[in-house]
């Protein structure tokens, strides 16, 4: 009887571990997540060392990496600030907006900006700048400029796109080894019905036409 009880206990523990492992796999890189409860940030994956910052339940963020039972989230799109949180405190969401509210601490406070996952249709294509403009760290005129490009410059698209607080659309591009954002106001062609034209790396026109 004791052997049977021991076997059942072992089996229960194995099932619990397996269930935990499956749950941890539910959160993946490239996924938008919502906090199921107030959750402490960690200094690094598997460090076990909490920071003084706690994110409130209901906050939404983008997951860019998963390591075991921890997920790294972008908690401030303006400064590209990232922090680790327990996977068990998160759930997948369809809300494509980074909105992190800190319960205490307050470092890396995020403003609400919509950043959408990669669009495979435009990923790898190029856009041509229609006027002298700044490239920024995140969607929005208030975000720090990381470089200036001249009219006619070809920029390769990562496929990600977003909107600023004025509801202006921005596209993420590759520039000198960095991933930066350019406003579609400097990509649209007036004579083409204010649409965006796409190109290959040699500057040849390709499709689709992006409204």
C-alpha atoms as a PDB file:
ATOM      1  CA  UNK A   1       0.000   0.000   0.000  1.00  0.00           C
ATOM      2  CA  UNK A   2       2.829   2.377   0.930  1.00  0.00           C
ATOM      3  CA  UNK A   3       4.511   1.649  -2.413  1.00  0.00           C
ATOM      4  CA  UNK A   4       1.265   2.459  -4.224  1.00  0.00           C
ATOM      5  CA  UNK A   5       0.894   5.766  -2.359  1.00  0.00           C
ATOM      6  CA  UNK A   6       4.515   6.634  -3.095  1.00  0.00           C
ATOM      7  CA  UNK A   7       4.034   5.857  -6.774  1.00  0.00           C
ATOM      8  CA  UNK A   8       0.908   8.003  -6.886  1.00  0.00           C
ATOM      9  CA  UNK A   9       2.755  10.890  -5.220  1.00  0.00           C
ATOM     10  CA  UNK A  10       5.600  10.620  -7.709  1.00  0.00           C
ATOM     11  CA  UNK A  11       3.132  10.477 -10.603  1.00  0.00           C
ATOM     12  CA  UNK A  12       1.320  13.547  -9.256  1.00  0.00           C
ATOM     13  CA  UNK A  13       4.597  15.457  -9.018  1.00  0.00           C
ATOM     14  CA  UNK A  14       5.586  14.459 -12.574  1.00  0.00           C
ATOM     15  CA  UNK A  15       2.207  15.574 -13.916  1.00  0.00           C
ATOM     16  CA  UNK A  16       2.495  18.862 -12.022  1.00  0.00           C
ATOM     17  CA  UNK A  17       5.932  19.533 -13.519  1.00  0.00           C
ATOM     18  CA  UNK A  18       4.720  18.599 -16.996  1.00  0.00           C
ATOM     19  CA  UNK A  19       1.681  20.865 -16.639  1.00  0.00           C
ATOM     20  CA  UNK A  20       3.915  23.703 -15.486  1.00  0.00           C
ATOM     21  CA  UNK A  21       6.214  23.160 -18.482  1.00  0.00           C
ATOM     22  CA  UNK A  22       3.270  23.240 -20.882  1.00  0.00           C
ATOM     23  CA  UNK A  23       1.971  26.419 -19.267  1.00  0.00           C
ATOM     24  CA  UNK A  24       5.379  28.035 -19.618  1.00  0.00           C
ATOM     25  CA  UNK A  25       5.366  27.236 -23.332  1.00  0.00           C
ATOM     26  CA  UNK A  26       2.102  29.121 -23.821  1.00  0.00           C
ATOM     27  CA  UNK A  27       3.967  32.437 -23.867  1.00  0.00           C
ATOM     28  CA  UNK A  28       6.275  32.828 -26.862  1.00  0.00           C
ATOM     29  CA  UNK A  29       8.482  35.521 -28.369  1.00  0.00           C
ATOM     30  CA  UNK A  30       6.559  37.777 -30.736  1.00  0.00           C
ATOM     31  CA  UNK A  31       3.397  37.520 -28.654  1.00  0.00           C
ATOM     32  CA  UNK A  32       1.411  40.313 -27.012  1.00  0.00           C
ATOM     33  CA  UNK A  33       0.729  39.564 -23.355  1.00  0.00           C
ATOM     34  CA  UNK A  34      -1.420  40.904 -20.546  1.00  0.00           C
ATOM     35  CA  UNK A  35      -0.592  40.728 -16.852  1.00  0.00           C
ATOM     36  CA  UNK A  36      -2.986  38.429 -14.994  1.00  0.00           C
ATOM     37  CA  UNK A  37      -1.964  40.017 -11.688  1.00  0.00           C
ATOM     38  CA  UNK A  38       0.478  42.559 -10.287  1.00  0.00           C
ATOM     39  CA  UNK A  39       3.914  41.235 -11.195  1.00  0.00           C
ATOM     40  CA  UNK A  40       7.445  42.094 -10.056  1.00  0.00           C
ATOM     41  CA  UNK A  41      10.138  42.758 -12.653  1.00  0.00           C
ATOM     42  CA  UNK A  42      13.405  40.804 -12.552  1.00  0.00           C
ATOM     43  CA  UNK A  43      16.880  42.058 -13.349  1.00  0.00           C
ATOM     44  CA  UNK A  44      17.648  39.079 -15.628  1.00  0.00           C
ATOM     45  CA  UNK A  45      16.247  35.745 -16.713  1.00  0.00           C
ATOM     46  CA  UNK A  46      16.501  33.078 -14.007  1.00  0.00           C
ATOM     47  CA  UNK A  47      18.195  35.555 -11.670  1.00  0.00           C
ATOM     48  CA  UNK A  48      15.550  35.146  -9.010  1.00  0.00           C
ATOM     49  CA  UNK A  49      16.276  38.749  -7.986  1.00  0.00           C
ATOM     50  CA  UNK A  50      13.239  41.025  -8.082  1.00  0.00           C
ATOM     51  CA  UNK A  51      13.537  44.733  -8.765  1.00  0.00           C
ATOM     52  CA  UNK A  52      11.575  47.376  -6.877  1.00  0.00           C
ATOM     53  CA  UNK A  53       9.218  47.811  -9.826  1.00  0.00           C
ATOM     54  CA  UNK A  54       5.870  46.058  -9.924  1.00  0.00           C
ATOM     55  CA  UNK A  55       3.582  46.198 -12.962  1.00  0.00           C
ATOM     56  CA  UNK A  56      -0.148  46.432 -12.407  1.00  0.00           C
ATOM     57  CA  UNK A  57      -2.637  43.778 -13.447  1.00  0.00           C
ATOM     58  CA  UNK A  58      -4.133  44.476 -16.888  1.00  0.00           C
ATOM     59  CA  UNK A  59      -1.004  46.097 -18.339  1.00  0.00           C
ATOM     60  CA  UNK A  60      -0.198  45.016 -21.899  1.00  0.00           C
ATOM     61  CA  UNK A  61       3.272  44.571 -23.418  1.00  0.00           C
ATOM     62  CA  UNK A  62       5.150  42.875 -26.262  1.00  0.00           C
ATOM     63  CA  UNK A  63       7.216  39.757 -25.519  1.00  0.00           C
ATOM     64  CA  UNK A  64      10.501  39.638 -27.427  1.00  0.00           C
ATOM     65  CA  UNK A  65      12.165  36.672 -25.689  1.00  0.00           C
ATOM     66  CA  UNK A  66      11.332  33.696 -23.474  1.00  0.00           C
ATOM     67  CA  UNK A  67      13.853  31.908 -21.270  1.00  0.00           C
ATOM     68  CA  UNK A  68      12.452  29.071 -19.169  1.00  0.00           C
ATOM     69  CA  UNK A  69       9.854  30.400 -16.741  1.00  0.00           C
ATOM     70  CA  UNK A  70      10.700  34.045 -17.520  1.00  0.00           C
ATOM     71  CA  UNK A  71       9.621  36.278 -20.408  1.00  0.00           C
ATOM     72  CA  UNK A  72      11.322  39.507 -21.479  1.00  0.00           C
ATOM     73  CA  UNK A  73       8.841  42.283 -22.243  1.00  0.00           C
ATOM     74  CA  UNK A  74       9.202  45.728 -23.792  1.00  0.00           C
ATOM     75  CA  UNK A  75       7.913  47.994 -21.030  1.00  0.00           C
ATOM     76  CA  UNK A  76       8.854  51.332 -22.555  1.00  0.00           C
ATOM     77  CA  UNK A  77       8.744  51.666 -26.334  1.00  0.00           C
ATOM     78  CA  UNK A  78      10.146  55.212 -26.171  1.00  0.00           C
ATOM     79  CA  UNK A  79      13.406  54.114 -24.568  1.00  0.00           C
ATOM     80  CA  UNK A  80      13.283  50.491 -25.765  1.00  0.00           C
ATOM     81  CA  UNK A  81      13.390  49.422 -22.106  1.00  0.00           C
ATOM     82  CA  UNK A  82      12.928  45.717 -21.404  1.00  0.00           C
ATOM     83  CA  UNK A  83      12.360  43.725 -18.213  1.00  0.00           C
ATOM     84  CA  UNK A  84      11.848  40.084 -17.249  1.00  0.00           C
ATOM     85  CA  UNK A  85       8.661  38.730 -15.673  1.00  0.00           C
ATOM     86  CA  UNK A  86       7.372  35.317 -14.657  1.00  0.00           C
ATOM     87  CA  UNK A  87       5.525  33.560 -17.468  1.00  0.00           C
ATOM     88  CA  UNK A  88       2.921  32.363 -14.963  1.00  0.00           C
ATOM     89  CA  UNK A  89       1.880  35.992 -14.373  1.00  0.00           C
ATOM     90  CA  UNK A  90       1.087  36.510 -18.071  1.00  0.00           C
ATOM     91  CA  UNK A  91      -1.527  35.517 -20.621  1.00  0.00           C
ATOM     92  CA  UNK A  92      -1.796  36.005 -24.362  1.00  0.00           C
ATOM     93  CA  UNK A  93      -3.887  38.952 -25.511  1.00  0.00           C
ATOM     94  CA  UNK A  94      -5.182  40.403 -28.770  1.00  0.00           C
ATOM     95  CA  UNK A  95      -4.498  43.960 -27.579  1.00  0.00           C
ATOM     96  CA  UNK A  96      -1.666  45.206 -29.784  1.00  0.00           C
ATOM     97  CA  UNK A  97      -0.612  48.151 -27.659  1.00  0.00           C
ATOM     98  CA  UNK A  98       2.182  48.604 -25.144  1.00  0.00           C
ATOM     99  CA  UNK A  99       0.625  50.062 -22.013  1.00  0.00           C
ATOM    100  CA  UNK A 100       2.564  49.360 -18.838  1.00  0.00           C
ATOM    101  CA  UNK A 101       1.497  50.891 -15.538  1.00  0.00           C
ATOM    102  CA  UNK A 102       3.871  50.531 -12.613  1.00  0.00           C
ATOM    103  CA  UNK A 103       2.320  49.821  -9.233  1.00  0.00           C
ATOM    104  CA  UNK A 104       5.429  51.206  -7.533  1.00  0.00           C
ATOM    105  CA  UNK A 105       8.921  52.249  -8.489  1.00  0.00           C
ATOM    106  CA  UNK A 106       8.057  53.873 -11.785  1.00  0.00           C
ATOM    107  CA  UNK A 107      11.269  53.370 -13.764  1.00  0.00           C
ATOM    108  CA  UNK A 108      10.630  52.968 -17.488  1.00  0.00           C
ATOM    109  CA  UNK A 109       7.072  54.312 -17.390  1.00  0.00           C
ATOM    110  CA  UNK A 110       5.535  53.655 -20.781  1.00  0.00           C
ATOM    111  CA  UNK A 111       3.203  55.814 -22.823  1.00  0.00           C
ATOM    112  CA  UNK A 112       0.497  54.182 -24.859  1.00  0.00           C
ATOM    113  CA  UNK A 113       1.589  53.497 -28.423  1.00  0.00           C
ATOM    114  CA  UNK A 114       0.300  50.862 -30.776  1.00  0.00           C
ATOM    115  CA  UNK A 115       3.020  48.630 -32.230  1.00  0.00           C
ATOM    116  CA  UNK A 116       1.849  45.710 -34.329  1.00  0.00           C
ATOM    117  CA  UNK A 117       3.601  42.397 -34.971  1.00  0.00           C
ATOM    118  CA  UNK A 118       5.562  41.832 -38.162  1.00  0.00           C
ATOM    119  CA  UNK A 119       3.614  41.992 -41.426  1.00  0.00           C
ATOM    120  CA  UNK A 120       5.208  39.347 -43.699  1.00  0.00           C
ATOM    121  CA  UNK A 121       3.827  41.074 -46.805  1.00  0.00           C
ATOM    122  CA  UNK A 122       6.104  44.098 -46.439  1.00  0.00           C
ATOM    123  CA  UNK A 123       9.010  42.575 -44.481  1.00  0.00           C
ATOM    124  CA  UNK A 124      12.268  42.835 -46.432  1.00  0.00           C
ATOM    125  CA  UNK A 125      10.942  45.375 -48.920  1.00  0.00           C
ATOM    126  CA  UNK A 126      12.291  48.921 -49.178  1.00  0.00           C
ATOM    127  CA  UNK A 127      10.624  52.331 -48.977  1.00  0.00           C
ATOM    128  CA  UNK A 128      11.889  55.608 -50.414  1.00  0.00           C
ATOM    129  CA  UNK A 129      11.852  58.736 -48.257  1.00  0.00           C
ATOM    130  CA  UNK A 130       9.893  61.534 -49.927  1.00  0.00           C
ATOM    131  CA  UNK A 131      11.479  64.309 -47.875  1.00  0.00           C
ATOM    132  CA  UNK A 132      14.256  65.166 -45.419  1.00  0.00           C
ATOM    133  CA  UNK A 133      13.229  63.504 -42.115  1.00  0.00           C
ATOM    134  CA  UNK A 134      14.313  62.084 -38.769  1.00  0.00           C
ATOM    135  CA  UNK A 135      14.376  58.418 -37.836  1.00  0.00           C
ATOM    136  CA  UNK A 136      13.211  57.821 -34.276  1.00  0.00           C
ATOM    137  CA  UNK A 137      13.525  55.193 -31.544  1.00  0.00           C
ATOM    138  CA  UNK A 138       9.759  54.622 -31.454  1.00  0.00           C
ATOM    139  CA  UNK A 139       6.627  55.836 -33.275  1.00  0.00           C
ATOM    140  CA  UNK A 140       6.072  59.489 -32.470  1.00  0.00           C
ATOM    141  CA  UNK A 141       7.518  62.965 -32.971  1.00  0.00           C
ATOM    142  CA  UNK A 142       8.364  63.202 -29.259  1.00  0.00           C
ATOM    143  CA  UNK A 143      10.659  60.165 -29.427  1.00  0.00           C
ATOM    144  CA  UNK A 144      14.396  60.699 -29.673  1.00  0.00           C
ATOM    145  CA  UNK A 145      15.882  61.142 -33.147  1.00  0.00           C
ATOM    146  CA  UNK A 146      18.585  58.617 -34.019  1.00  0.00           C
ATOM    147  CA  UNK A 147      19.488  59.888 -37.454  1.00  0.00           C
ATOM    148  CA  UNK A 148      18.453  62.091 -40.363  1.00  0.00           C
ATOM    149  CA  UNK A 149      17.880  60.826 -43.906  1.00  0.00           C
ATOM    150  CA  UNK A 150      17.616  62.766 -47.138  1.00  0.00           C
ATOM    151  CA  UNK A 151      14.914  62.639 -49.780  1.00  0.00           C
ATOM    152  CA  UNK A 152      15.206  59.558 -51.995  1.00  0.00           C
ATOM    153  CA  UNK A 153      16.944  57.376 -49.373  1.00  0.00           C
ATOM    154  CA  UNK A 154      15.986  53.682 -49.550  1.00  0.00           C
ATOM    155  CA  UNK A 155      15.211  52.074 -46.200  1.00  0.00           C
ATOM    156  CA  UNK A 156      14.658  48.363 -45.595  1.00  0.00           C
ATOM    157  CA  UNK A 157      11.472  47.399 -43.704  1.00  0.00           C
ATOM    158  CA  UNK A 158      11.448  45.021 -40.731  1.00  0.00           C
ATOM    159  CA  UNK A 159       7.730  44.465 -41.242  1.00  0.00           C
ATOM    160  CA  UNK A 160       6.622  46.046 -37.958  1.00  0.00           C
ATOM    161  CA  UNK A 161       4.349  49.073 -38.001  1.00  0.00           C
ATOM    162  CA  UNK A 162       2.642  51.246 -35.408  1.00  0.00           C
ATOM    163  CA  UNK A 163       0.744  54.430 -34.610  1.00  0.00           C
ATOM    164  CA  UNK A 164       1.638  57.439 -32.466  1.00  0.00           C
ATOM    165  CA  UNK A 165      -0.611  59.454 -30.157  1.00  0.00           C
ATOM    166  CA  UNK A 166      -1.831  61.482 -33.163  1.00  0.00           C
ATOM    167  CA  UNK A 167      -2.857  58.258 -34.934  1.00  0.00           C
ATOM    168  CA  UNK A 168      -0.123  58.752 -37.552  1.00  0.00           C
ATOM    169  CA  UNK A 169       1.232  55.481 -38.907  1.00  0.00           C
ATOM    170  CA  UNK A 170       4.953  54.645 -38.665  1.00  0.00           C
ATOM    171  CA  UNK A 171       7.058  51.854 -40.182  1.00  0.00           C
ATOM    172  CA  UNK A 172      10.105  50.252 -38.573  1.00  0.00           C
ATOM    173  CA  UNK A 173      13.217  50.271 -40.786  1.00  0.00           C
ATOM    174  CA  UNK A 174      16.829  49.124 -40.660  1.00  0.00           C
ATOM    175  CA  UNK A 175      19.367  51.950 -40.638  1.00  0.00           C
ATOM    176  CA  UNK A 176      23.093  51.620 -39.909  1.00  0.00           C
ATOM    177  CA  UNK A 177      22.595  48.462 -37.881  1.00  0.00           C
ATOM    178  CA  UNK A 178      19.690  49.863 -35.866  1.00  0.00           C
ATOM    179  CA  UNK A 179      15.939  49.342 -36.000  1.00  0.00           C
ATOM    180  CA  UNK A 180      14.298  52.755 -36.114  1.00  0.00           C
ATOM    181  CA  UNK A 181      10.964  54.280 -37.065  1.00  0.00           C
ATOM    182  CA  UNK A 182       9.961  56.560 -39.935  1.00  0.00           C
ATOM    183  CA  UNK A 183       6.649  58.379 -40.292  1.00  0.00           C
ATOM    184  CA  UNK A 184       4.557  57.399 -43.295  1.00  0.00           C
ATOM    185  CA  UNK A 185       3.988  61.130 -43.817  1.00  0.00           C
ATOM    186  CA  UNK A 186       7.483  61.095 -45.357  1.00  0.00           C
ATOM    187  CA  UNK A 187       6.853  57.998 -47.462  1.00  0.00           C
ATOM    188  CA  UNK A 188       3.542  58.681 -49.153  1.00  0.00           C
ATOM    189  CA  UNK A 189       3.523  59.843 -52.744  1.00  0.00           C
ATOM    190  CA  UNK A 190       1.036  62.666 -53.305  1.00  0.00           C
ATOM    191  CA  UNK A 191       0.706  62.024 -57.041  1.00  0.00           C
ATOM    192  CA  UNK A 192      -0.022  58.378 -56.245  1.00  0.00           C
ATOM    193  CA  UNK A 193      -3.100  59.075 -54.141  1.00  0.00           C
ATOM    194  CA  UNK A 194      -1.077  59.364 -50.907  1.00  0.00           C
ATOM    195  CA  UNK A 195      -0.071  55.710 -50.997  1.00  0.00           C
ATOM    196  CA  UNK A 196       3.319  54.190 -50.239  1.00  0.00           C
ATOM    197  CA  UNK A 197       5.452  52.659 -52.978  1.00  0.00           C
ATOM    198  CA  UNK A 198       7.748  49.714 -52.319  1.00  0.00           C
ATOM    199  CA  UNK A 199      11.090  48.877 -53.902  1.00  0.00           C
ATOM    200  CA  UNK A 200      13.735  46.167 -53.988  1.00  0.00           C
ATOM    201  CA  UNK A 201      17.284  46.845 -52.773  1.00  0.00           C
ATOM    202  CA  UNK A 202      18.248  48.212 -56.208  1.00  0.00           C
ATOM    203  CA  UNK A 203      15.428  50.744 -56.217  1.00  0.00           C
ATOM    204  CA  UNK A 204      13.163  48.899 -58.654  1.00  0.00           C
ATOM    205  CA  UNK A 205       9.436  49.312 -58.013  1.00  0.00           C
ATOM    206  CA  UNK A 206       7.683  46.277 -56.541  1.00  0.00           C
ATOM    207  CA  UNK A 207       4.237  45.609 -55.171  1.00  0.00           C
ATOM    208  CA  UNK A 208       1.993  45.677 -53.120  1.00  0.00           C
ATOM    209  CA  UNK A 209       0.733  49.243 -52.934  1.00  0.00           C
ATOM    210  CA  UNK A 210       0.164  50.083 -49.306  1.00  0.00           C
ATOM    211  CA  UNK A 211      -2.764  52.402 -48.545  1.00  0.00           C
END
